Amino acid sequence: MMNTSGTGNIPTRGESFPLDNLTYDLVTIIQEKSKALEAYGRYCEDARNDAEVLRALEQIRRDDAAHIQQLTQHLSRCLQKTGSSAQGSSAQGQGQPRTTQGSR
């Protein structure tokens, strides 16, 4: 929900949101995949008596770790672009927060 009173940390209507949608998406994906990496540790422990499932979980964990690394590089690039575009122009998709479940 937008704060229209002009107080607090939430931008009021007409103010730009500090992150564009793509940057926010990347942060969210990285966070969720990082939480999944923690869970895979527990799942691998549960699968220790099933070598086939254990191998599959370990492969998924490695893939997610590689995806996190790749997305982190993209996030870095997006943050650099956001920092340089904050000096004046706003790109399409910037300036308006996306309405999603959860908080930003």
PDB file of N, CA and C in Angstrom:
ATOM      1  N   MET A   1       0.841  -1.168   0.000  1.00  0.00           N
ATOM      2  CA  MET A   1       0.000   0.000   0.000  1.00  0.00           C
ATOM      3  C   MET A   1       0.889   1.235   0.000  1.00  0.00           C
ATOM      4  N   MET A   2       0.515   2.229  -0.745  1.00  0.00           N
ATOM      5  CA  MET A   2       1.278   3.469  -0.845  1.00  0.00           C
ATOM      6  C   MET A   2       0.969   4.389   0.315  1.00  0.00           C
ATOM      7  N   ASN A   3       1.987   5.022   0.823  1.00  0.00           N
ATOM      8  CA  ASN A   3       1.834   6.037   1.856  1.00  0.00           C
ATOM      9  C   ASN A   3       1.608   7.364   1.158  1.00  0.00           C
ATOM     10  N   THR A   4       0.456   7.967   1.406  1.00  0.00           N
ATOM     11  CA  THR A   4       0.172   9.237   0.749  1.00  0.00           C
ATOM     12  C   THR A   4       0.296  10.407   1.700  1.00  0.00           C
ATOM     13  N   SER A   5       0.735  10.143   2.926  1.00  0.00           N
ATOM     14  CA  SER A   5       0.830  11.218   3.906  1.00  0.00           C
ATOM     15  C   SER A   5       2.135  11.992   3.792  1.00  0.00           C
ATOM     16  N   GLY A   6       3.103  11.450   3.065  1.00  0.00           N
ATOM     17  CA  GLY A   6       4.386  12.132   2.929  1.00  0.00           C
ATOM     18  C   GLY A   6       5.341  11.825   4.063  1.00  0.00           C
ATOM     19  N   THR A   7       4.996  10.896   4.932  1.00  0.00           N
ATOM     20  CA  THR A   7       5.875  10.527   6.031  1.00  0.00           C
ATOM     21  C   THR A   7       6.270   9.075   5.907  1.00  0.00           C
ATOM     22  N   GLY A   8       7.313   8.686   6.602  1.00  0.00           N
ATOM     23  CA  GLY A   8       7.754   7.299   6.592  1.00  0.00           C
ATOM     24  C   GLY A   8       8.719   7.035   5.457  1.00  0.00           C
ATOM     25  N   ASN A   9       9.083   5.764   5.309  1.00  0.00           N
ATOM     26  CA  ASN A   9      10.070   5.378   4.304  1.00  0.00           C
ATOM     27  C   ASN A   9       9.461   5.002   2.971  1.00  0.00           C
ATOM     28  N   ILE A  10       8.146   4.876   2.907  1.00  0.00           N
ATOM     29  CA  ILE A  10       7.494   4.485   1.669  1.00  0.00           C
ATOM     30  C   ILE A  10       7.300   5.733   0.823  1.00  0.00           C
ATOM     31  N   PRO A  11       7.684   5.673  -0.459  1.00  0.00           N
ATOM     32  CA  PRO A  11       7.524   6.863  -1.296  1.00  0.00           C
ATOM     33  C   PRO A  11       6.058   7.260  -1.430  1.00  0.00           C
ATOM     34  N   THR A  12       5.804   8.538  -1.475  1.00  0.00           N
ATOM     35  CA  THR A  12       4.453   9.003  -1.729  1.00  0.00           C
ATOM     36  C   THR A  12       4.217   8.988  -3.226  1.00  0.00           C
ATOM     37  N   ARG A  13       2.990   9.151  -3.622  1.00  0.00           N
ATOM     38  CA  ARG A  13       2.680   9.153  -5.056  1.00  0.00           C
ATOM     39  C   ARG A  13       3.493  10.230  -5.745  1.00  0.00           C
ATOM     40  N   GLY A  14       4.058   9.865  -6.867  1.00  0.00           N
ATOM     41  CA  GLY A  14       4.862  10.803  -7.627  1.00  0.00           C
ATOM     42  C   GLY A  14       6.343  10.715  -7.321  1.00  0.00           C
ATOM     43  N   GLU A  15       6.697  10.139  -6.180  1.00  0.00           N
ATOM     44  CA  GLU A  15       8.111   9.949  -5.850  1.00  0.00           C
ATOM     45  C   GLU A  15       8.564   8.635  -6.461  1.00  0.00           C
ATOM     46  N   SER A  16       9.841   8.531  -6.758  1.00  0.00           N
ATOM     47  CA  SER A  16      10.331   7.285  -7.340  1.00  0.00           C
ATOM     48  C   SER A  16      10.727   6.310  -6.242  1.00  0.00           C
ATOM     49  N   PHE A  17      10.540   5.042  -6.549  1.00  0.00           N
ATOM     50  CA  PHE A  17      10.938   3.972  -5.638  1.00  0.00           C
ATOM     51  C   PHE A  17      12.416   3.729  -5.857  1.00  0.00           C
ATOM     52  N   PRO A  18      13.180   3.444  -4.809  1.00  0.00           N
ATOM     53  CA  PRO A  18      14.637   3.352  -4.961  1.00  0.00           C
ATOM     54  C   PRO A  18      15.117   2.205  -5.851  1.00  0.00           C
ATOM     55  N   LEU A  19      14.306   1.176  -6.051  1.00  0.00           N
ATOM     56  CA  LEU A  19      14.715   0.055  -6.906  1.00  0.00           C
ATOM     57  C   LEU A  19      13.728  -0.104  -8.048  1.00  0.00           C
ATOM     58  N   ASP A  20      14.246  -0.338  -9.239  1.00  0.00           N
ATOM     59  CA  ASP A  20      13.356  -0.660 -10.351  1.00  0.00           C
ATOM     60  C   ASP A  20      12.908  -2.107 -10.199  1.00  0.00           C
ATOM     61  N   ASN A  21      11.920  -2.510 -10.952  1.00  0.00           N
ATOM     62  CA  ASN A  21      11.330  -3.842 -10.821  1.00  0.00           C
ATOM     63  C   ASN A  21      12.342  -4.956 -11.066  1.00  0.00           C
ATOM     64  N   LEU A  22      13.183  -4.819 -12.082  1.00  0.00           N
ATOM     65  CA  LEU A  22      14.154  -5.868 -12.392  1.00  0.00           C
ATOM     66  C   LEU A  22      15.135  -6.064 -11.240  1.00  0.00           C
ATOM     67  N   THR A  23      15.639  -4.964 -10.690  1.00  0.00           N
ATOM     68  CA  THR A  23      16.581  -5.065  -9.574  1.00  0.00           C
ATOM     69  C   THR A  23      15.904  -5.733  -8.385  1.00  0.00           C
ATOM     70  N   TYR A  24      14.685  -5.324  -8.086  1.00  0.00           N
ATOM     71  CA  TYR A  24      13.928  -5.939  -6.991  1.00  0.00           C
ATOM     72  C   TYR A  24      13.733  -7.432  -7.239  1.00  0.00           C
ATOM     73  N   ASP A  25      13.386  -7.796  -8.481  1.00  0.00           N
ATOM     74  CA  ASP A  25      13.196  -9.208  -8.820  1.00  0.00           C
ATOM     75  C   ASP A  25      14.469 -10.013  -8.574  1.00  0.00           C
ATOM     76  N   LEU A  26      15.604  -9.464  -9.006  1.00  0.00           N
ATOM     77  CA  LEU A  26      16.869 -10.172  -8.820  1.00  0.00           C
ATOM     78  C   LEU A  26      17.184 -10.359  -7.346  1.00  0.00           C
ATOM     79  N   VAL A  27      16.990  -9.324  -6.546  1.00  0.00           N
ATOM     80  CA  VAL A  27      17.223  -9.436  -5.095  1.00  0.00           C
ATOM     81  C   VAL A  27      16.326 -10.528  -4.517  1.00  0.00           C
ATOM     82  N   THR A  28      15.064 -10.539  -4.921  1.00  0.00           N
ATOM     83  CA  THR A  28      14.109 -11.521  -4.397  1.00  0.00           C
ATOM     84  C   THR A  28      14.499 -12.939  -4.796  1.00  0.00           C
ATOM     85  N   ILE A  29      14.869 -13.138  -6.051  1.00  0.00           N
ATOM     86  CA  ILE A  29      15.258 -14.472  -6.517  1.00  0.00           C
ATOM     87  C   ILE A  29      16.497 -14.958  -5.772  1.00  0.00           C
ATOM     88  N   ILE A  30      17.487 -14.080  -5.629  1.00  0.00           N
ATOM     89  CA  ILE A  30      18.711 -14.450  -4.919  1.00  0.00           C
ATOM     90  C   ILE A  30      18.392 -14.824  -3.477  1.00  0.00           C
ATOM     91  N   GLN A  31      17.532 -14.062  -2.836  1.00  0.00           N
ATOM     92  CA  GLN A  31      17.154 -14.357  -1.453  1.00  0.00           C
ATOM     93  C   GLN A  31      16.458 -15.713  -1.353  1.00  0.00           C
ATOM     94  N   GLU A  32      15.503 -15.961  -2.232  1.00  0.00           N
ATOM     95  CA  GLU A  32      14.756 -17.220  -2.169  1.00  0.00           C
ATOM     96  C   GLU A  32      15.652 -18.421  -2.484  1.00  0.00           C
ATOM     97  N   LYS A  33      16.521 -18.291  -3.470  1.00  0.00           N
ATOM     98  CA  LYS A  33      17.425 -19.395  -3.792  1.00  0.00           C
ATOM     99  C   LYS A  33      18.431 -19.623  -2.667  1.00  0.00           C
ATOM    100  N   SER A  34      18.834 -18.565  -1.985  1.00  0.00           N
ATOM    101  CA  SER A  34      19.749 -18.714  -0.852  1.00  0.00           C
ATOM    102  C   SER A  34      19.073 -19.462   0.293  1.00  0.00           C
ATOM    103  N   LYS A  35      17.808 -19.154   0.525  1.00  0.00           N
ATOM    104  CA  LYS A  35      17.068 -19.894   1.556  1.00  0.00           C
ATOM    105  C   LYS A  35      16.944 -21.365   1.159  1.00  0.00           C
ATOM    106  N   ALA A  36      16.753 -21.610  -0.132  1.00  0.00           N
ATOM    107  CA  ALA A  36      16.645 -22.986  -0.607  1.00  0.00           C
ATOM    108  C   ALA A  36      17.949 -23.745  -0.388  1.00  0.00           C
ATOM    109  N   LEU A  37      19.092 -23.078  -0.582  1.00  0.00           N
ATOM    110  CA  LEU A  37      20.375 -23.743  -0.354  1.00  0.00           C
ATOM    111  C   LEU A  37      20.485 -24.255   1.078  1.00  0.00           C
ATOM    112  N   GLU A  38      20.012 -23.446   2.021  1.00  0.00           N
ATOM    113  CA  GLU A  38      20.020 -23.886   3.417  1.00  0.00           C
ATOM    114  C   GLU A  38      19.135 -25.114   3.593  1.00  0.00           C
ATOM    115  N   ALA A  39      17.976 -25.102   2.972  1.00  0.00           N
ATOM    116  CA  ALA A  39      17.044 -26.222   3.100  1.00  0.00           C
ATOM    117  C   ALA A  39      17.611 -27.493   2.471  1.00  0.00           C
ATOM    118  N   TYR A  40      18.324 -27.357   1.347  1.00  0.00           N
ATOM    119  CA  TYR A  40      18.889 -28.535   0.700  1.00  0.00           C
ATOM    120  C   TYR A  40      19.836 -29.281   1.620  1.00  0.00           C
ATOM    121  N   GLY A  41      20.522 -28.559   2.489  1.00  0.00           N
ATOM    122  CA  GLY A  41      21.388 -29.226   3.460  1.00  0.00           C
ATOM    123  C   GLY A  41      20.599 -30.199   4.336  1.00  0.00           C
ATOM    124  N   ARG A  42      19.439 -29.744   4.778  1.00  0.00           N
ATOM    125  CA  ARG A  42      18.575 -30.613   5.595  1.00  0.00           C
ATOM    126  C   ARG A  42      18.016 -31.763   4.752  1.00  0.00           C
ATOM    127  N   TYR A  43      17.623 -31.447   3.522  1.00  0.00           N
ATOM    128  CA  TYR A  43      17.057 -32.486   2.663  1.00  0.00           C
ATOM    129  C   TYR A  43      18.099 -33.545   2.335  1.00  0.00           C
ATOM    130  N   CYS A  44      19.336 -33.132   2.118  1.00  0.00           N
ATOM    131  CA  CYS A  44      20.401 -34.097   1.836  1.00  0.00           C
ATOM    132  C   CYS A  44      20.634 -34.997   3.039  1.00  0.00           C
ATOM    133  N   GLU A  45      20.561 -34.428   4.222  1.00  0.00           N
ATOM    134  CA  GLU A  45      20.707 -35.233   5.436  1.00  0.00           C
ATOM    135  C   GLU A  45      19.597 -36.285   5.504  1.00  0.00           C
ATOM    136  N   ASP A  46      18.381 -35.889   5.177  1.00  0.00           N
ATOM    137  CA  ASP A  46      17.252 -36.833   5.190  1.00  0.00           C
ATOM    138  C   ASP A  46      17.411 -37.909   4.119  1.00  0.00           C
ATOM    139  N   ALA A  47      18.090 -37.590   3.025  1.00  0.00           N
ATOM    140  CA  ALA A  47      18.239 -38.520   1.905  1.00  0.00           C
ATOM    141  C   ALA A  47      19.524 -39.334   1.984  1.00  0.00           C
ATOM    142  N   ARG A  48      20.220 -39.281   3.105  1.00  0.00           N
ATOM    143  CA  ARG A  48      21.531 -39.941   3.189  1.00  0.00           C
ATOM    144  C   ARG A  48      21.456 -41.449   2.945  1.00  0.00           C
ATOM    145  N   ASN A  49      20.289 -42.059   3.109  1.00  0.00           N
ATOM    146  CA  ASN A  49      20.150 -43.498   2.878  1.00  0.00           C
ATOM    147  C   ASN A  49      19.625 -43.824   1.486  1.00  0.00           C
ATOM    148  N   ASP A  50      19.439 -42.807   0.655  1.00  0.00           N
ATOM    149  CA  ASP A  50      18.972 -43.018  -0.718  1.00  0.00           C
ATOM    150  C   ASP A  50      19.923 -42.272  -1.653  1.00  0.00           C
ATOM    151  N   ALA A  51      20.902 -43.013  -2.165  1.00  0.00           N
ATOM    152  CA  ALA A  51      21.972 -42.401  -2.951  1.00  0.00           C
ATOM    153  C   ALA A  51      21.452 -41.674  -4.186  1.00  0.00           C
ATOM    154  N   GLU A  52      20.428 -42.197  -4.807  1.00  0.00           N
ATOM    155  CA  GLU A  52      19.897 -41.575  -6.021  1.00  0.00           C
ATOM    156  C   GLU A  52      19.254 -40.218  -5.710  1.00  0.00           C
ATOM    157  N   VAL A  53      18.448 -40.159  -4.675  1.00  0.00           N
ATOM    158  CA  VAL A  53      17.819 -38.903  -4.267  1.00  0.00           C
ATOM    159  C   VAL A  53      18.895 -37.928  -3.787  1.00  0.00           C
ATOM    160  N   LEU A  54      19.852 -38.423  -3.026  1.00  0.00           N
ATOM    161  CA  LEU A  54      20.928 -37.580  -2.526  1.00  0.00           C
ATOM    162  C   LEU A  54      21.697 -36.938  -3.679  1.00  0.00           C
ATOM    163  N   ARG A  55      22.029 -37.729  -4.714  1.00  0.00           N
ATOM    164  CA  ARG A  55      22.730 -37.180  -5.890  1.00  0.00           C
ATOM    165  C   ARG A  55      21.886 -36.103  -6.570  1.00  0.00           C
ATOM    166  N   ALA A  56      20.589 -36.351  -6.697  1.00  0.00           N
ATOM    167  CA  ALA A  56      19.706 -35.375  -7.341  1.00  0.00           C
ATOM    168  C   ALA A  56      19.661 -34.079  -6.539  1.00  0.00           C
ATOM    169  N   LEU A  57      19.525 -34.179  -5.228  1.00  0.00           N
ATOM    170  CA  LEU A  57      19.479 -32.987  -4.379  1.00  0.00           C
ATOM    171  C   LEU A  57      20.794 -32.222  -4.412  1.00  0.00           C
ATOM    172  N   GLU A  58      21.910 -32.955  -4.406  1.00  0.00           N
ATOM    173  CA  GLU A  58      23.210 -32.294  -4.472  1.00  0.00           C
ATOM    174  C   GLU A  58      23.391 -31.565  -5.801  1.00  0.00           C
ATOM    175  N   GLN A  59      22.895 -32.154  -6.903  1.00  0.00           N
ATOM    176  CA  GLN A  59      22.979 -31.510  -8.210  1.00  0.00           C
ATOM    177  C   GLN A  59      22.118 -30.246  -8.236  1.00  0.00           C
ATOM    178  N   ILE A  60      20.923 -30.327  -7.701  1.00  0.00           N
ATOM    179  CA  ILE A  60      20.038 -29.160  -7.642  1.00  0.00           C
ATOM    180  C   ILE A  60      20.685 -28.066  -6.807  1.00  0.00           C
ATOM    181  N   ARG A  61      21.295 -28.455  -5.711  1.00  0.00           N
ATOM    182  CA  ARG A  61      21.967 -27.474  -4.849  1.00  0.00           C
ATOM    183  C   ARG A  61      23.115 -26.789  -5.593  1.00  0.00           C
ATOM    184  N   ARG A  62      23.914 -27.567  -6.323  1.00  0.00           N
ATOM    185  CA  ARG A  62      25.011 -26.984  -7.109  1.00  0.00           C
ATOM    186  C   ARG A  62      24.468 -26.044  -8.185  1.00  0.00           C
ATOM    187  N   ASP A  63      23.395 -26.472  -8.851  1.00  0.00           N
ATOM    188  CA  ASP A  63      22.791 -25.632  -9.889  1.00  0.00           C
ATOM    189  C   ASP A  63      22.293 -24.319  -9.295  1.00  0.00           C
ATOM    190  N   ASP A  64      21.607 -24.391  -8.158  1.00  0.00           N
ATOM    191  CA  ASP A  64      21.100 -23.174  -7.525  1.00  0.00           C
ATOM    192  C   ASP A  64      22.246 -22.255  -7.100  1.00  0.00           C
ATOM    193  N   ALA A  65      23.320 -22.839  -6.591  1.00  0.00           N
ATOM    194  CA  ALA A  65      24.475 -22.024  -6.200  1.00  0.00           C
ATOM    195  C   ALA A  65      25.053 -21.303  -7.427  1.00  0.00           C
ATOM    196  N   ALA A  66      25.116 -21.995  -8.553  1.00  0.00           N
ATOM    197  CA  ALA A  66      25.608 -21.374  -9.791  1.00  0.00           C
ATOM    198  C   ALA A  66      24.644 -20.290 -10.257  1.00  0.00           C
ATOM    199  N   HIS A  67      23.341 -20.538 -10.123  1.00  0.00           N
ATOM    200  CA  HIS A  67      22.347 -19.533 -10.509  1.00  0.00           C
ATOM    201  C   HIS A  67      22.465 -18.287  -9.630  1.00  0.00           C
ATOM    202  N   ILE A  68      22.691 -18.495  -8.349  1.00  0.00           N
ATOM    203  CA  ILE A  68      22.856 -17.358  -7.438  1.00  0.00           C
ATOM    204  C   ILE A  68      24.062 -16.526  -7.860  1.00  0.00           C
ATOM    205  N   GLN A  69      25.152 -17.186  -8.188  1.00  0.00           N
ATOM    206  CA  GLN A  69      26.353 -16.469  -8.617  1.00  0.00           C
ATOM    207  C   GLN A  69      26.080 -15.675  -9.894  1.00  0.00           C
ATOM    208  N   GLN A  70      25.406 -16.296 -10.853  1.00  0.00           N
ATOM    209  CA  GLN A  70      25.091 -15.633 -12.115  1.00  0.00           C
ATOM    210  C   GLN A  70      24.154 -14.445 -11.880  1.00  0.00           C
ATOM    211  N   LEU A  71      23.120 -14.633 -11.079  1.00  0.00           N
ATOM    212  CA  LEU A  71      22.171 -13.553 -10.818  1.00  0.00           C
ATOM    213  C   LEU A  71      22.807 -12.422 -10.022  1.00  0.00           C
ATOM    214  N   THR A  72      23.755 -12.752  -9.157  1.00  0.00           N
ATOM    215  CA  THR A  72      24.460 -11.718  -8.390  1.00  0.00           C
ATOM    216  C   THR A  72      25.257 -10.819  -9.322  1.00  0.00           C
ATOM    217  N   GLN A  73      25.851 -11.395 -10.357  1.00  0.00           N
ATOM    218  CA  GLN A  73      26.570 -10.585 -11.346  1.00  0.00           C
ATOM    219  C   GLN A  73      25.613  -9.652 -12.083  1.00  0.00           C
ATOM    220  N   HIS A  74      24.445 -10.166 -12.443  1.00  0.00           N
ATOM    221  CA  HIS A  74      23.448  -9.327 -13.107  1.00  0.00           C
ATOM    222  C   HIS A  74      22.953  -8.228 -12.168  1.00  0.00           C
ATOM    223  N   LEU A  75      22.765  -8.583 -10.892  1.00  0.00           N
ATOM    224  CA  LEU A  75      22.324  -7.598  -9.909  1.00  0.00           C
ATOM    225  C   LEU A  75      23.341  -6.474  -9.779  1.00  0.00           C
ATOM    226  N   SER A  76      24.602  -6.820  -9.740  1.00  0.00           N
ATOM    227  CA  SER A  76      25.656  -5.821  -9.649  1.00  0.00           C
ATOM    228  C   SER A  76      25.585  -4.856 -10.831  1.00  0.00           C
ATOM    229  N   ARG A  77      25.393  -5.401 -12.013  1.00  0.00           N
ATOM    230  CA  ARG A  77      25.281  -4.572 -13.214  1.00  0.00           C
ATOM    231  C   ARG A  77      24.049  -3.667 -13.140  1.00  0.00           C
ATOM    232  N   CYS A  78      22.928  -4.217 -12.686  1.00  0.00           N
ATOM    233  CA  CYS A  78      21.700  -3.423 -12.565  1.00  0.00           C
ATOM    234  C   CYS A  78      21.859  -2.304 -11.539  1.00  0.00           C
ATOM    235  N   LEU A  79      22.531  -2.606 -10.443  1.00  0.00           N
ATOM    236  CA  LEU A  79      22.732  -1.582  -9.426  1.00  0.00           C
ATOM    237  C   LEU A  79      23.632  -0.466  -9.945  1.00  0.00           C
ATOM    238  N   GLN A  80      24.615  -0.815 -10.745  1.00  0.00           N
ATOM    239  CA  GLN A  80      25.470   0.207 -11.343  1.00  0.00           C
ATOM    240  C   GLN A  80      24.673   1.088 -12.290  1.00  0.00           C
ATOM    241  N   LYS A  81      23.800   0.471 -13.098  1.00  0.00           N
ATOM    242  CA  LYS A  81      22.959   1.243 -14.009  1.00  0.00           C
ATOM    243  C   LYS A  81      21.989   2.120 -13.234  1.00  0.00           C
ATOM    244  N   THR A  82      21.406   1.579 -12.173  1.00  0.00           N
ATOM    245  CA  THR A  82      20.457   2.335 -11.358  1.00  0.00           C
ATOM    246  C   THR A  82      21.151   3.534 -10.735  1.00  0.00           C
ATOM    247  N   GLY A  83      22.359   3.339 -10.254  1.00  0.00           N
ATOM    248  CA  GLY A  83      23.112   4.438  -9.651  1.00  0.00           C
ATOM    249  C   GLY A  83      23.423   5.525 -10.648  1.00  0.00           C
ATOM    250  N   SER A  84      23.771   5.133 -11.860  1.00  0.00           N
ATOM    251  CA  SER A  84      24.107   6.148 -12.856  1.00  0.00           C
ATOM    252  C   SER A  84      22.863   6.825 -13.414  1.00  0.00           C
ATOM    253  N   SER A  85      21.733   6.115 -13.474  1.00  0.00           N
ATOM    254  CA  SER A  85      20.513   6.734 -14.002  1.00  0.00           C
ATOM    255  C   SER A  85      19.793   7.547 -12.936  1.00  0.00           C
ATOM    256  N   ALA A  86      20.168   7.381 -11.680  1.00  0.00           N
ATOM    257  CA  ALA A  86      19.548   8.157 -10.610  1.00  0.00           C
ATOM    258  C   ALA A  86      19.938   9.627 -10.695  1.00  0.00           C
ATOM    259  N   GLN A  87      20.919   9.934 -11.505  1.00  0.00           N
ATOM    260  CA  GLN A  87      21.376  11.308 -11.655  1.00  0.00           C
ATOM    261  C   GLN A  87      20.404  12.158 -12.459  1.00  0.00           C
ATOM    262  N   GLY A  88      19.449  11.553 -13.122  1.00  0.00           N
ATOM    263  CA  GLY A  88      18.553  12.389 -13.920  1.00  0.00           C
ATOM    264  C   GLY A  88      17.409  11.628 -14.537  1.00  0.00           C
ATOM    265  N   SER A  89      17.693  10.859 -15.558  1.00  0.00           N
ATOM    266  CA  SER A  89      16.621  10.220 -16.299  1.00  0.00           C
ATOM    267  C   SER A  89      16.125   8.980 -15.588  1.00  0.00           C
ATOM    268  N   SER A  90      14.861   8.662 -15.838  1.00  0.00           N
ATOM    269  CA  SER A  90      14.307   7.434 -15.275  1.00  0.00           C
ATOM    270  C   SER A  90      13.925   6.520 -16.414  1.00  0.00           C
ATOM    271  N   ALA A  91      14.289   5.251 -16.277  1.00  0.00           N
ATOM    272  CA  ALA A  91      13.993   4.270 -17.312  1.00  0.00           C
ATOM    273  C   ALA A  91      12.576   3.751 -17.132  1.00  0.00           C
ATOM    274  N   GLN A  92      12.034   3.192 -18.188  1.00  0.00           N
ATOM    275  CA  GLN A  92      10.701   2.624 -18.097  1.00  0.00           C
ATOM    276  C   GLN A  92      10.709   1.499 -17.078  1.00  0.00           C
ATOM    277  N   GLY A  93       9.691   1.438 -16.254  1.00  0.00           N
ATOM    278  CA  GLY A  93       9.621   0.429 -15.209  1.00  0.00           C
ATOM    279  C   GLY A  93      10.175   0.929 -13.902  1.00  0.00           C
ATOM    280  N   GLN A  94      10.917   2.036 -13.927  1.00  0.00           N
ATOM    281  CA  GLN A  94      11.434   2.614 -12.705  1.00  0.00           C
ATOM    282  C   GLN A  94      10.452   3.639 -12.203  1.00  0.00           C
ATOM    283  N   GLY A  95      10.553   3.915 -10.938  1.00  0.00           N
ATOM    284  CA  GLY A  95       9.772   4.993 -10.383  1.00  0.00           C
ATOM    285  C   GLY A  95       8.472   4.549  -9.776  1.00  0.00           C
ATOM    286  N   GLN A  96       7.942   3.429 -10.186  1.00  0.00           N
ATOM    287  CA  GLN A  96       6.688   2.961  -9.627  1.00  0.00           C
ATOM    288  C   GLN A  96       6.915   1.601  -8.993  1.00  0.00           C
ATOM    289  N   PRO A  97       6.626   1.476  -7.723  1.00  0.00           N
ATOM    290  CA  PRO A  97       6.821   0.174  -7.078  1.00  0.00           C
ATOM    291  C   PRO A  97       5.822  -0.838  -7.603  1.00  0.00           C
ATOM    292  N   ARG A  98       6.258  -2.051  -7.725  1.00  0.00           N
ATOM    293  CA  ARG A  98       5.380  -3.143  -8.130  1.00  0.00           C
ATOM    294  C   ARG A  98       4.567  -3.552  -6.913  1.00  0.00           C
ATOM    295  N   THR A  99       3.332  -3.857  -7.128  1.00  0.00           N
ATOM    296  CA  THR A  99       2.523  -4.333  -6.019  1.00  0.00           C
ATOM    297  C   THR A  99       2.647  -5.839  -5.979  1.00  0.00           C
ATOM    298  N   THR A 100       3.266  -6.346  -4.924  1.00  0.00           N
ATOM    299  CA  THR A 100       3.467  -7.772  -4.748  1.00  0.00           C
ATOM    300  C   THR A 100       3.074  -8.142  -3.346  1.00  0.00           C
ATOM    301  N   GLN A 101       2.928  -9.433  -3.132  1.00  0.00           N
ATOM    302  CA  GLN A 101       2.722  -9.892  -1.770  1.00  0.00           C
ATOM    303  C   GLN A 101       4.029  -9.776  -1.034  1.00  0.00           C
ATOM    304  N   GLY A 102       3.978  -9.563   0.231  1.00  0.00           N
ATOM    305  CA  GLY A 102       5.205  -9.413   1.012  1.00  0.00           C
ATOM    306  C   GLY A 102       5.579  -7.956   1.076  1.00  0.00           C
ATOM    307  N   SER A 103       6.726  -7.700   1.645  1.00  0.00           N
ATOM    308  CA  SER A 103       7.143  -6.315   1.812  1.00  0.00           C
ATOM    309  C   SER A 103       8.403  -6.054   1.056  1.00  0.00           C
ATOM    310  N   ARG A 104       8.627  -4.798   0.765  1.00  0.00           N
ATOM    311  CA  ARG A 104       9.856  -4.364   0.125  1.00  0.00           C
ATOM    312  C   ARG A 104      10.693  -3.679   1.139  1.00  0.00           C
TER     313      ARG A 104
END
